[in-house]
């Protein structure tokens, strides 16, 4: 069932994943055309996502599925805070507000960590969408950011230690996913939640691009 979940996630989010990757905002970032203000807004919104997600994962770590997604080596909130502190000294939490799509996303994640949450296993979907992407496509973004911003770049967000350790981290994530034994209902709910997360990312990217 764990292997089936991983395969279902890969196949049934592939189209939405590609759509998010091809959004105008991400295209401009990859091609060195995204201005600094838009990039900072993106990092600030992602910080809110990771801060809430990682608190939720820790809160629900007792869940047999969620517990497999708790690994500080993957956590990104501290790295994003370091990037933002370097790139924008001062109260960036207040000067860079959340986009409506991210405010909705944060609310959804908080609901999954609340006491008595009906389906904490849905946090697996959000970990899948973010961390596996960071360990793969995030490395391409790191190179784009370094090319575009040069000495002004701060890339803690994309760094997971030495490059030769990345394959092991990717394999660890996939191994944890394969070790899961969800029920049929949990599996279907996790796949549906991952699709929602990709759609919400595209909404976020569109909202941030509209501000440029």
N, C-alpha and C. Protein backbone atom coordinates (compact mmCIF):
# COMPACT_ATOMS: atom_id res chain seq x y z
N UNK A 1 0.83 -1.21 0.00
CA UNK A 1 0.00 0.00 0.00
C UNK A 1 0.86 1.25 0.00
N UNK A 2 2.05 1.20 0.69
CA UNK A 2 2.92 2.36 0.70
C UNK A 2 3.46 2.67 -0.69
N UNK A 3 3.93 1.61 -1.39
CA UNK A 3 4.43 1.81 -2.74
C UNK A 3 3.32 2.31 -3.64
N UNK A 4 2.13 1.79 -3.47
CA UNK A 4 0.99 2.25 -4.26
C UNK A 4 0.70 3.72 -4.00
N UNK A 5 0.80 4.15 -2.76
CA UNK A 5 0.59 5.56 -2.43
C UNK A 5 1.61 6.42 -3.16
N UNK A 6 2.88 6.04 -3.11
CA UNK A 6 3.92 6.83 -3.77
C UNK A 6 3.66 6.94 -5.27
N UNK A 7 3.28 5.82 -5.88
CA UNK A 7 3.02 5.83 -7.32
C UNK A 7 1.79 6.66 -7.66
N UNK A 8 0.76 6.54 -6.84
CA UNK A 8 -0.45 7.34 -7.07
C UNK A 8 -0.14 8.83 -6.95
N UNK A 9 0.64 9.21 -5.94
CA UNK A 9 1.01 10.61 -5.78
C UNK A 9 1.77 11.11 -7.00
N UNK A 10 2.71 10.34 -7.47
CA UNK A 10 3.52 10.76 -8.61
C UNK A 10 2.66 10.93 -9.86
N UNK A 11 1.83 9.94 -10.15
CA UNK A 11 1.05 9.97 -11.38
C UNK A 11 -0.09 10.99 -11.34
N UNK A 12 -0.76 11.08 -10.20
CA UNK A 12 -1.97 11.90 -10.15
C UNK A 12 -1.73 13.36 -9.80
N UNK A 13 -0.48 13.71 -9.52
CA UNK A 13 -0.15 15.13 -9.34
C UNK A 13 0.75 15.65 -10.45
N UNK A 14 1.14 14.79 -11.37
CA UNK A 14 2.12 15.16 -12.39
C UNK A 14 1.68 16.36 -13.21
N UNK A 15 0.42 16.37 -13.65
CA UNK A 15 -0.06 17.48 -14.48
C UNK A 15 -0.10 18.78 -13.69
N UNK A 16 -0.54 18.72 -12.46
CA UNK A 16 -0.62 19.92 -11.63
C UNK A 16 0.76 20.42 -11.23
N UNK A 17 1.67 19.48 -11.00
CA UNK A 17 3.06 19.84 -10.68
C UNK A 17 3.67 20.62 -11.84
N UNK A 18 3.48 20.12 -13.03
CA UNK A 18 4.03 20.80 -14.22
C UNK A 18 3.41 22.18 -14.40
N UNK A 19 2.11 22.28 -14.16
CA UNK A 19 1.44 23.58 -14.32
C UNK A 19 2.01 24.60 -13.34
N UNK A 20 2.26 24.18 -12.11
CA UNK A 20 2.84 25.10 -11.12
C UNK A 20 4.26 25.50 -11.52
N UNK A 21 5.03 24.53 -11.99
CA UNK A 21 6.41 24.82 -12.40
C UNK A 21 6.46 25.79 -13.57
N UNK A 22 5.44 25.75 -14.42
CA UNK A 22 5.43 26.58 -15.63
C UNK A 22 4.70 27.90 -15.43
N UNK A 23 4.32 28.20 -14.20
CA UNK A 23 3.67 29.48 -13.93
C UNK A 23 4.62 30.62 -14.29
N UNK A 24 4.05 31.79 -14.52
CA UNK A 24 4.86 32.94 -14.92
C UNK A 24 5.90 33.28 -13.87
N UNK A 25 5.52 33.21 -12.60
CA UNK A 25 6.45 33.55 -11.52
C UNK A 25 7.66 32.63 -11.52
N UNK A 26 7.42 31.32 -11.60
CA UNK A 26 8.52 30.37 -11.55
C UNK A 26 9.37 30.44 -12.82
N UNK A 27 8.73 30.70 -13.94
CA UNK A 27 9.48 30.85 -15.19
C UNK A 27 10.43 32.04 -15.11
N UNK A 28 9.94 33.15 -14.56
CA UNK A 28 10.80 34.33 -14.42
C UNK A 28 11.94 34.08 -13.45
N UNK A 29 11.67 33.32 -12.39
CA UNK A 29 12.74 33.00 -11.44
C UNK A 29 13.81 32.14 -12.11
N UNK A 30 13.39 31.15 -12.87
CA UNK A 30 14.34 30.25 -13.52
C UNK A 30 15.17 30.96 -14.58
N UNK A 31 14.58 31.98 -15.22
CA UNK A 31 15.27 32.67 -16.30
C UNK A 31 15.90 33.99 -15.86
N UNK A 32 15.97 34.20 -14.54
CA UNK A 32 16.66 35.38 -14.05
C UNK A 32 15.95 36.69 -14.30
N UNK A 33 14.62 36.65 -14.39
CA UNK A 33 13.86 37.86 -14.69
C UNK A 33 12.98 38.32 -13.52
N UNK A 34 13.00 37.59 -12.42
CA UNK A 34 12.14 37.94 -11.29
C UNK A 34 12.83 39.00 -10.44
N UNK A 35 12.09 40.09 -10.15
CA UNK A 35 12.73 41.16 -9.39
C UNK A 35 12.86 40.77 -7.91
N UNK A 36 13.70 41.50 -7.22
CA UNK A 36 14.03 41.16 -5.84
C UNK A 36 12.80 41.19 -4.94
N UNK A 37 11.94 42.18 -5.13
CA UNK A 37 10.75 42.29 -4.29
C UNK A 37 9.85 41.08 -4.41
N UNK A 38 9.65 40.60 -5.63
CA UNK A 38 8.80 39.42 -5.84
C UNK A 38 9.44 38.18 -5.24
N UNK A 39 10.76 38.08 -5.35
CA UNK A 39 11.45 36.92 -4.79
C UNK A 39 11.34 36.91 -3.27
N UNK A 40 11.50 38.08 -2.65
CA UNK A 40 11.36 38.17 -1.20
C UNK A 40 9.94 37.81 -0.77
N UNK A 41 8.95 38.26 -1.53
CA UNK A 41 7.56 37.92 -1.22
C UNK A 41 7.33 36.43 -1.29
N UNK A 42 7.95 35.78 -2.29
CA UNK A 42 7.84 34.33 -2.41
C UNK A 42 8.44 33.63 -1.19
N UNK A 43 9.64 34.04 -0.81
CA UNK A 43 10.28 33.42 0.35
C UNK A 43 9.47 33.63 1.62
N UNK A 44 8.92 34.82 1.79
CA UNK A 44 8.15 35.11 3.00
C UNK A 44 6.91 34.21 3.07
N UNK A 45 6.24 34.02 1.92
CA UNK A 45 5.05 33.17 1.91
C UNK A 45 5.42 31.71 2.14
N UNK A 46 6.51 31.27 1.56
CA UNK A 46 6.95 29.89 1.80
C UNK A 46 7.36 29.69 3.25
N UNK A 47 7.93 30.71 3.86
CA UNK A 47 8.29 30.61 5.28
C UNK A 47 7.04 30.33 6.13
N UNK A 48 5.95 31.04 5.84
CA UNK A 48 4.71 30.82 6.59
C UNK A 48 4.21 29.38 6.40
N UNK A 49 4.33 28.88 5.18
CA UNK A 49 3.91 27.51 4.90
C UNK A 49 4.73 26.52 5.72
N UNK A 50 6.05 26.64 5.64
CA UNK A 50 6.90 25.67 6.34
C UNK A 50 6.80 25.79 7.85
N UNK A 51 6.68 27.01 8.34
CA UNK A 51 6.58 27.19 9.78
C UNK A 51 5.35 26.45 10.31
N UNK A 52 4.24 26.58 9.60
CA UNK A 52 3.00 25.93 10.02
C UNK A 52 3.05 24.43 9.78
N UNK A 53 3.56 24.03 8.62
CA UNK A 53 3.65 22.60 8.30
C UNK A 53 4.53 21.86 9.29
N UNK A 54 5.67 22.42 9.60
CA UNK A 54 6.61 21.70 10.46
C UNK A 54 6.13 21.64 11.90
N UNK A 55 5.45 22.68 12.35
CA UNK A 55 4.82 22.62 13.67
C UNK A 55 3.73 21.55 13.68
N UNK A 56 2.98 21.46 12.58
CA UNK A 56 1.91 20.47 12.50
C UNK A 56 2.47 19.05 12.47
N UNK A 57 3.55 18.84 11.71
CA UNK A 57 4.16 17.50 11.67
C UNK A 57 4.63 17.07 13.05
N UNK A 58 5.24 17.98 13.79
CA UNK A 58 5.70 17.65 15.13
C UNK A 58 4.52 17.39 16.07
N UNK A 59 3.48 18.17 15.91
CA UNK A 59 2.29 18.02 16.76
C UNK A 59 1.62 16.66 16.53
N UNK A 60 1.63 16.21 15.28
CA UNK A 60 0.95 14.96 14.93
C UNK A 60 1.92 13.81 14.71
N UNK A 61 3.13 13.91 15.26
CA UNK A 61 4.16 12.89 15.04
C UNK A 61 3.76 11.52 15.59
N UNK A 62 2.79 11.49 16.50
CA UNK A 62 2.33 10.21 17.04
C UNK A 62 1.52 9.42 16.02
N UNK A 63 1.03 10.10 14.97
CA UNK A 63 0.27 9.41 13.94
C UNK A 63 1.22 8.50 13.16
N UNK A 64 0.84 7.25 12.90
CA UNK A 64 1.77 6.31 12.26
C UNK A 64 2.22 6.71 10.87
N UNK A 65 1.41 7.47 10.16
CA UNK A 65 1.81 7.95 8.83
C UNK A 65 2.60 9.25 8.93
N UNK A 66 2.08 10.19 9.68
CA UNK A 66 2.73 11.50 9.81
C UNK A 66 4.11 11.35 10.43
N UNK A 67 4.25 10.44 11.40
CA UNK A 67 5.53 10.27 12.08
C UNK A 67 6.67 9.95 11.13
N UNK A 68 6.36 9.31 10.01
CA UNK A 68 7.39 8.97 9.03
C UNK A 68 7.88 10.18 8.24
N UNK A 69 7.16 11.28 8.36
CA UNK A 69 7.53 12.52 7.65
C UNK A 69 8.25 13.51 8.55
N UNK A 70 8.51 13.14 9.78
CA UNK A 70 9.17 14.06 10.71
C UNK A 70 10.67 13.81 10.66
N UNK A 71 11.38 14.74 10.00
CA UNK A 71 12.83 14.63 9.87
C UNK A 71 13.40 16.04 9.81
N UNK A 72 14.02 16.51 10.88
CA UNK A 72 14.57 17.87 10.88
C UNK A 72 15.53 18.15 9.72
N UNK A 73 16.15 17.13 9.16
CA UNK A 73 17.05 17.34 8.02
C UNK A 73 16.32 17.91 6.82
N UNK A 74 15.00 17.68 6.74
CA UNK A 74 14.22 18.21 5.63
C UNK A 74 13.62 19.57 5.96
N UNK A 75 13.48 19.90 7.22
CA UNK A 75 12.75 21.10 7.62
C UNK A 75 13.40 22.35 7.03
N UNK A 76 12.55 23.28 6.55
CA UNK A 76 13.04 24.45 5.82
C UNK A 76 12.76 25.79 6.50
N UNK A 77 11.93 25.83 7.51
CA UNK A 77 11.58 27.12 8.12
C UNK A 77 12.82 27.86 8.65
N UNK A 78 13.72 27.21 9.39
CA UNK A 78 14.91 27.94 9.87
C UNK A 78 15.77 28.47 8.73
N UNK A 79 15.90 27.71 7.65
CA UNK A 79 16.71 28.15 6.51
C UNK A 79 16.07 29.36 5.83
N UNK A 80 14.76 29.34 5.67
CA UNK A 80 14.07 30.48 5.07
C UNK A 80 14.19 31.72 5.94
N UNK A 81 14.09 31.54 7.23
CA UNK A 81 14.25 32.69 8.13
C UNK A 81 15.65 33.28 7.98
N UNK A 82 16.65 32.42 7.86
CA UNK A 82 18.03 32.90 7.70
C UNK A 82 18.17 33.70 6.40
N UNK A 83 17.58 33.20 5.32
CA UNK A 83 17.63 33.93 4.05
C UNK A 83 16.95 35.28 4.16
N UNK A 84 15.77 35.31 4.74
CA UNK A 84 15.03 36.56 4.84
C UNK A 84 15.72 37.56 5.76
N UNK A 85 16.28 37.07 6.85
CA UNK A 85 17.00 37.97 7.77
C UNK A 85 18.19 38.61 7.08
N UNK A 86 18.85 37.84 6.21
CA UNK A 86 20.01 38.38 5.50
C UNK A 86 19.58 39.33 4.38
N UNK A 87 18.55 38.95 3.64
CA UNK A 87 18.16 39.73 2.46
C UNK A 87 17.34 40.96 2.81
N UNK A 88 16.63 40.91 3.94
CA UNK A 88 15.75 42.01 4.30
C UNK A 88 15.79 42.23 5.81
N UNK A 89 16.85 42.81 6.32
CA UNK A 89 16.94 43.07 7.76
C UNK A 89 15.76 43.95 8.21
N UNK A 90 15.26 43.63 9.39
CA UNK A 90 14.11 44.38 9.89
C UNK A 90 12.89 43.49 10.01
N UNK A 91 11.75 44.07 10.31
CA UNK A 91 10.52 43.29 10.57
C UNK A 91 9.84 42.82 9.28
N UNK A 92 10.51 41.92 8.53
CA UNK A 92 9.96 41.48 7.26
C UNK A 92 8.64 40.73 7.43
N UNK A 93 8.40 40.16 8.61
CA UNK A 93 7.13 39.47 8.85
C UNK A 93 5.94 40.42 8.69
N UNK A 94 6.18 41.70 8.95
CA UNK A 94 5.09 42.69 8.87
C UNK A 94 5.11 43.45 7.55
N UNK A 95 6.29 43.69 7.00
CA UNK A 95 6.38 44.46 5.76
C UNK A 95 6.11 43.61 4.52
N UNK A 96 6.21 42.30 4.67
CA UNK A 96 5.90 41.38 3.57
C UNK A 96 4.67 40.55 3.97
N UNK A 97 3.49 40.99 3.63
CA UNK A 97 2.28 40.29 4.07
C UNK A 97 2.06 38.99 3.30
N UNK A 98 1.22 38.14 3.85
CA UNK A 98 0.86 36.89 3.18
C UNK A 98 -0.11 37.15 2.04
N UNK A 99 0.08 36.43 0.95
CA UNK A 99 -0.90 36.44 -0.12
C UNK A 99 -2.15 35.71 0.34
N UNK A 100 -3.32 36.04 -0.20
CA UNK A 100 -4.55 35.34 0.22
C UNK A 100 -4.46 33.82 0.08
N UNK A 101 -3.84 33.34 -1.00
CA UNK A 101 -3.73 31.89 -1.18
C UNK A 101 -2.91 31.25 -0.06
N UNK A 102 -1.88 31.94 0.40
CA UNK A 102 -1.07 31.37 1.48
C UNK A 102 -1.79 31.47 2.82
N UNK A 103 -2.52 32.54 3.03
CA UNK A 103 -3.31 32.64 4.27
C UNK A 103 -4.28 31.47 4.36
N UNK A 104 -4.88 31.11 3.24
CA UNK A 104 -5.79 29.97 3.20
C UNK A 104 -5.04 28.66 3.42
N UNK A 105 -3.87 28.56 2.84
CA UNK A 105 -3.04 27.36 2.98
C UNK A 105 -2.65 27.16 4.46
N UNK A 106 -2.18 28.22 5.08
CA UNK A 106 -1.77 28.15 6.49
C UNK A 106 -2.94 27.73 7.37
N UNK A 107 -4.11 28.28 7.09
CA UNK A 107 -5.31 27.92 7.86
C UNK A 107 -5.62 26.43 7.72
N UNK A 108 -5.46 25.91 6.51
CA UNK A 108 -5.73 24.50 6.28
C UNK A 108 -4.73 23.62 7.04
N UNK A 109 -3.45 23.97 7.00
CA UNK A 109 -2.44 23.20 7.72
C UNK A 109 -2.67 23.25 9.23
N UNK A 110 -3.02 24.42 9.73
CA UNK A 110 -3.28 24.56 11.16
C UNK A 110 -4.44 23.67 11.59
N UNK A 111 -5.44 23.56 10.73
CA UNK A 111 -6.57 22.70 11.04
C UNK A 111 -6.18 21.23 11.14
N UNK A 112 -5.18 20.81 10.37
CA UNK A 112 -4.75 19.42 10.40
C UNK A 112 -3.95 19.08 11.65
N UNK A 113 -3.45 20.10 12.33
CA UNK A 113 -2.68 19.84 13.56
C UNK A 113 -3.50 20.10 14.81
N UNK A 114 -4.71 20.59 14.65
CA UNK A 114 -5.54 20.91 15.81
C UNK A 114 -5.91 19.64 16.57
N UNK A 115 -6.08 19.74 17.89
CA UNK A 115 -6.50 18.57 18.67
C UNK A 115 -7.79 17.98 18.11
N UNK A 116 -7.81 16.68 17.93
CA UNK A 116 -8.98 16.02 17.41
C UNK A 116 -9.17 16.14 15.92
N UNK A 117 -8.14 16.57 15.20
CA UNK A 117 -8.24 16.70 13.74
C UNK A 117 -8.65 15.36 13.14
N UNK A 118 -9.60 15.40 12.21
CA UNK A 118 -10.17 14.18 11.68
C UNK A 118 -9.18 13.40 10.82
N UNK A 119 -8.34 14.10 10.05
CA UNK A 119 -7.44 13.41 9.13
C UNK A 119 -6.02 14.00 9.18
N UNK A 120 -5.31 13.82 10.27
CA UNK A 120 -3.94 14.33 10.33
C UNK A 120 -3.05 13.73 9.26
N UNK A 121 -3.42 12.57 8.72
CA UNK A 121 -2.61 11.92 7.69
C UNK A 121 -2.48 12.79 6.44
N UNK A 122 -3.35 13.78 6.27
CA UNK A 122 -3.27 14.65 5.10
C UNK A 122 -1.99 15.48 5.11
N UNK A 123 -1.34 15.60 6.26
CA UNK A 123 -0.06 16.30 6.32
C UNK A 123 1.00 15.60 5.47
N UNK A 124 0.83 14.31 5.26
CA UNK A 124 1.75 13.57 4.40
C UNK A 124 1.76 14.16 3.00
N UNK A 125 0.59 14.56 2.52
CA UNK A 125 0.49 15.14 1.18
C UNK A 125 1.31 16.41 1.07
N UNK A 126 1.23 17.25 2.08
CA UNK A 126 1.94 18.53 2.04
C UNK A 126 3.45 18.33 2.18
N UNK A 127 3.86 17.35 2.98
CA UNK A 127 5.28 17.03 3.07
C UNK A 127 5.79 16.52 1.72
N UNK A 128 5.00 15.70 1.06
CA UNK A 128 5.37 15.18 -0.26
C UNK A 128 5.53 16.32 -1.26
N UNK A 129 4.57 17.21 -1.32
CA UNK A 129 4.59 18.30 -2.29
C UNK A 129 5.80 19.20 -2.09
N UNK A 130 6.13 19.51 -0.85
CA UNK A 130 7.20 20.46 -0.59
C UNK A 130 8.59 19.78 -0.55
N UNK A 131 8.79 18.81 0.31
CA UNK A 131 10.15 18.33 0.56
C UNK A 131 10.74 17.59 -0.64
N UNK A 132 9.97 16.77 -1.31
CA UNK A 132 10.53 16.08 -2.46
C UNK A 132 10.85 17.08 -3.57
N UNK A 133 10.03 18.11 -3.68
CA UNK A 133 10.33 19.16 -4.64
C UNK A 133 11.59 19.92 -4.29
N UNK A 134 11.80 20.20 -3.01
CA UNK A 134 13.01 20.90 -2.57
C UNK A 134 14.26 20.08 -2.87
N UNK A 135 14.15 18.77 -2.69
CA UNK A 135 15.31 17.91 -2.87
C UNK A 135 15.62 17.66 -4.35
N UNK A 136 14.68 17.97 -5.23
CA UNK A 136 14.89 17.81 -6.66
C UNK A 136 14.96 19.18 -7.34
N UNK A 137 13.79 19.72 -7.68
CA UNK A 137 13.74 20.99 -8.40
C UNK A 137 14.34 22.15 -7.64
N UNK A 138 14.34 22.09 -6.33
CA UNK A 138 14.92 23.16 -5.53
C UNK A 138 16.39 23.38 -5.83
N UNK A 139 17.07 22.32 -6.26
CA UNK A 139 18.49 22.45 -6.57
C UNK A 139 18.70 23.20 -7.89
N UNK A 140 17.75 23.07 -8.80
CA UNK A 140 17.78 23.86 -10.04
C UNK A 140 17.52 25.33 -9.72
N UNK A 141 16.57 25.57 -8.82
CA UNK A 141 16.28 26.95 -8.42
C UNK A 141 17.48 27.58 -7.74
N UNK A 142 18.20 26.81 -6.96
CA UNK A 142 19.39 27.35 -6.28
C UNK A 142 20.38 27.90 -7.30
N UNK A 143 20.63 27.16 -8.35
CA UNK A 143 21.57 27.62 -9.37
C UNK A 143 21.04 28.86 -10.08
N UNK A 144 19.73 28.91 -10.31
CA UNK A 144 19.13 30.09 -10.95
C UNK A 144 19.26 31.32 -10.06
N UNK A 145 19.03 31.15 -8.76
CA UNK A 145 19.13 32.27 -7.82
C UNK A 145 20.58 32.78 -7.76
N UNK A 146 21.53 31.87 -7.74
CA UNK A 146 22.94 32.27 -7.69
C UNK A 146 23.34 33.03 -8.95
N UNK A 147 22.86 32.57 -10.10
CA UNK A 147 23.17 33.26 -11.36
C UNK A 147 22.55 34.66 -11.38
N UNK A 148 21.32 34.75 -10.92
CA UNK A 148 20.57 36.00 -11.03
C UNK A 148 21.02 37.04 -10.02
N UNK A 149 21.16 36.64 -8.78
CA UNK A 149 21.44 37.60 -7.72
C UNK A 149 22.92 37.70 -7.35
N UNK A 150 23.72 36.75 -7.78
CA UNK A 150 25.16 36.83 -7.56
C UNK A 150 25.53 36.95 -6.10
N UNK A 151 26.39 37.93 -5.80
CA UNK A 151 26.87 38.11 -4.43
C UNK A 151 25.76 38.49 -3.46
N UNK A 152 24.63 38.96 -3.98
CA UNK A 152 23.51 39.35 -3.13
C UNK A 152 22.61 38.16 -2.76
N UNK A 153 22.92 37.00 -3.31
CA UNK A 153 22.07 35.82 -3.08
C UNK A 153 22.28 35.26 -1.68
N UNK A 154 21.21 34.66 -1.16
CA UNK A 154 21.28 33.88 0.07
C UNK A 154 20.49 32.61 -0.19
N UNK A 155 21.13 31.47 -0.11
CA UNK A 155 20.51 30.22 -0.59
C UNK A 155 20.39 29.15 0.48
N UNK A 156 20.24 29.55 1.72
CA UNK A 156 20.06 28.56 2.80
C UNK A 156 18.87 27.65 2.52
N UNK A 157 17.81 28.21 1.96
CA UNK A 157 16.58 27.45 1.70
C UNK A 157 16.85 26.20 0.87
N UNK A 158 17.76 26.30 -0.07
CA UNK A 158 17.99 25.21 -1.03
C UNK A 158 19.09 24.26 -0.59
N UNK A 159 19.70 24.52 0.55
CA UNK A 159 20.87 23.75 0.96
C UNK A 159 20.52 22.68 1.99
N UNK A 160 20.97 21.47 1.71
CA UNK A 160 20.72 20.33 2.59
C UNK A 160 22.03 19.67 3.00
N UNK A 161 23.11 20.44 2.97
CA UNK A 161 24.41 19.88 3.27
C UNK A 161 25.18 19.65 1.98
N UNK A 162 26.26 18.87 2.04
CA UNK A 162 27.07 18.59 0.85
C UNK A 162 26.23 17.98 -0.27
N UNK A 163 26.54 18.35 -1.51
CA UNK A 163 25.76 17.87 -2.65
C UNK A 163 25.74 16.35 -2.75
N UNK A 164 26.85 15.71 -2.32
CA UNK A 164 26.89 14.25 -2.46
C UNK A 164 25.99 13.54 -1.45
N UNK A 165 25.39 14.31 -0.52
CA UNK A 165 24.46 13.70 0.43
C UNK A 165 23.00 13.80 -0.03
N UNK A 166 22.76 14.59 -1.09
CA UNK A 166 21.39 14.77 -1.57
C UNK A 166 20.74 13.46 -2.03
N UNK A 167 21.42 12.61 -2.79
CA UNK A 167 20.78 11.35 -3.19
C UNK A 167 20.30 10.52 -2.01
N UNK A 168 21.08 10.50 -0.93
CA UNK A 168 20.68 9.73 0.24
C UNK A 168 19.44 10.33 0.90
N UNK A 169 19.35 11.67 0.92
CA UNK A 169 18.18 12.31 1.49
C UNK A 169 16.94 12.03 0.65
N UNK A 170 17.10 12.07 -0.67
CA UNK A 170 15.97 11.75 -1.54
C UNK A 170 15.53 10.31 -1.33
N UNK A 171 16.49 9.40 -1.23
CA UNK A 171 16.18 8.00 -1.04
C UNK A 171 15.51 7.78 0.31
N UNK A 172 15.95 8.52 1.31
CA UNK A 172 15.34 8.39 2.63
C UNK A 172 13.88 8.81 2.59
N UNK A 173 13.61 9.91 1.89
CA UNK A 173 12.23 10.38 1.81
C UNK A 173 11.37 9.33 1.09
N UNK A 174 11.86 8.85 -0.03
CA UNK A 174 11.08 7.86 -0.78
C UNK A 174 10.90 6.58 0.04
N UNK A 175 11.91 6.22 0.81
CA UNK A 175 11.81 5.04 1.65
C UNK A 175 10.76 5.19 2.73
N UNK A 176 10.70 6.38 3.33
CA UNK A 176 9.69 6.64 4.35
C UNK A 176 8.29 6.57 3.74
N UNK A 177 8.15 7.11 2.54
CA UNK A 177 6.85 7.08 1.86
C UNK A 177 6.45 5.64 1.55
N UNK A 178 7.41 4.86 1.08
CA UNK A 178 7.12 3.46 0.74
C UNK A 178 6.81 2.63 1.97
N UNK A 179 7.29 3.06 3.14
CA UNK A 179 7.05 2.30 4.37
C UNK A 179 5.65 2.52 4.93
N UNK A 180 4.93 3.48 4.38
CA UNK A 180 3.59 3.79 4.90
C UNK A 180 2.60 2.68 4.53
N UNK A 181 1.66 2.45 5.43
CA UNK A 181 0.62 1.47 5.20
C UNK A 181 -0.75 2.12 5.44
N UNK A 182 -1.12 3.05 4.55
CA UNK A 182 -2.41 3.72 4.73
C UNK A 182 -3.57 2.79 4.38
N UNK A 183 -4.72 3.09 4.95
CA UNK A 183 -5.93 2.41 4.50
C UNK A 183 -6.28 2.95 3.11
N UNK A 184 -7.21 2.30 2.46
CA UNK A 184 -7.65 2.79 1.15
C UNK A 184 -8.19 4.21 1.26
N UNK A 185 -8.97 4.47 2.32
CA UNK A 185 -9.56 5.80 2.50
C UNK A 185 -8.48 6.85 2.74
N UNK A 186 -7.47 6.50 3.54
CA UNK A 186 -6.37 7.43 3.80
C UNK A 186 -5.58 7.71 2.52
N UNK A 187 -5.33 6.66 1.77
CA UNK A 187 -4.58 6.83 0.52
C UNK A 187 -5.30 7.78 -0.43
N UNK A 188 -6.59 7.57 -0.61
CA UNK A 188 -7.35 8.42 -1.52
C UNK A 188 -7.37 9.87 -1.03
N UNK A 189 -7.50 10.04 0.27
CA UNK A 189 -7.55 11.39 0.84
C UNK A 189 -6.19 12.10 0.69
N UNK A 190 -5.10 11.37 0.86
CA UNK A 190 -3.77 11.96 0.73
C UNK A 190 -3.52 12.39 -0.71
N UNK A 191 -3.89 11.56 -1.66
CA UNK A 191 -3.71 11.91 -3.07
C UNK A 191 -4.53 13.15 -3.43
N UNK A 192 -5.77 13.20 -2.97
CA UNK A 192 -6.61 14.37 -3.24
C UNK A 192 -6.04 15.62 -2.60
N UNK A 193 -5.49 15.48 -1.41
CA UNK A 193 -4.91 16.64 -0.72
C UNK A 193 -3.65 17.14 -1.44
N UNK A 194 -2.86 16.24 -1.97
CA UNK A 194 -1.67 16.65 -2.72
C UNK A 194 -2.07 17.42 -3.98
N UNK A 195 -3.13 16.99 -4.62
CA UNK A 195 -3.61 17.73 -5.79
C UNK A 195 -4.08 19.13 -5.38
N UNK A 196 -4.77 19.22 -4.26
CA UNK A 196 -5.20 20.53 -3.77
C UNK A 196 -3.98 21.41 -3.51
N UNK A 197 -2.95 20.85 -2.92
CA UNK A 197 -1.76 21.63 -2.58
C UNK A 197 -1.09 22.19 -3.83
N UNK A 198 -1.01 21.41 -4.89
CA UNK A 198 -0.40 21.93 -6.11
C UNK A 198 -1.25 23.04 -6.73
N UNK A 199 -2.55 22.88 -6.70
CA UNK A 199 -3.43 23.94 -7.20
C UNK A 199 -3.24 25.21 -6.37
N UNK A 200 -3.12 25.05 -5.07
CA UNK A 200 -2.95 26.20 -4.19
C UNK A 200 -1.61 26.89 -4.42
N UNK A 201 -0.59 26.12 -4.74
CA UNK A 201 0.69 26.71 -5.09
C UNK A 201 0.56 27.56 -6.35
N UNK A 202 -0.15 27.06 -7.33
CA UNK A 202 -0.32 27.83 -8.56
C UNK A 202 -1.08 29.13 -8.28
N UNK A 203 -2.08 29.06 -7.42
CA UNK A 203 -2.80 30.29 -7.04
C UNK A 203 -1.85 31.28 -6.36
N UNK A 204 -1.02 30.76 -5.48
CA UNK A 204 -0.05 31.63 -4.80
C UNK A 204 0.88 32.29 -5.82
N UNK A 205 1.43 31.49 -6.73
CA UNK A 205 2.36 32.04 -7.72
C UNK A 205 1.67 33.11 -8.58
N UNK A 206 0.42 32.86 -8.95
CA UNK A 206 -0.31 33.82 -9.76
C UNK A 206 -0.56 35.11 -8.98
N UNK A 207 -0.91 34.99 -7.71
CA UNK A 207 -1.15 36.19 -6.89
C UNK A 207 0.13 37.01 -6.71
N UNK A 208 1.23 36.34 -6.47
CA UNK A 208 2.49 37.06 -6.30
C UNK A 208 2.95 37.69 -7.61
N UNK A 209 2.73 37.00 -8.71
CA UNK A 209 3.14 37.56 -10.01
C UNK A 209 2.32 38.80 -10.35
N UNK A 210 1.06 38.80 -9.94
CA UNK A 210 0.20 39.97 -10.22
C UNK A 210 0.69 41.22 -9.51
N UNK A 211 1.51 41.06 -8.48
CA UNK A 211 2.03 42.21 -7.74
C UNK A 211 3.27 42.81 -8.38
N UNK A 212 3.86 42.09 -9.34
CA UNK A 212 5.11 42.58 -9.95
C UNK A 212 4.83 43.65 -11.01
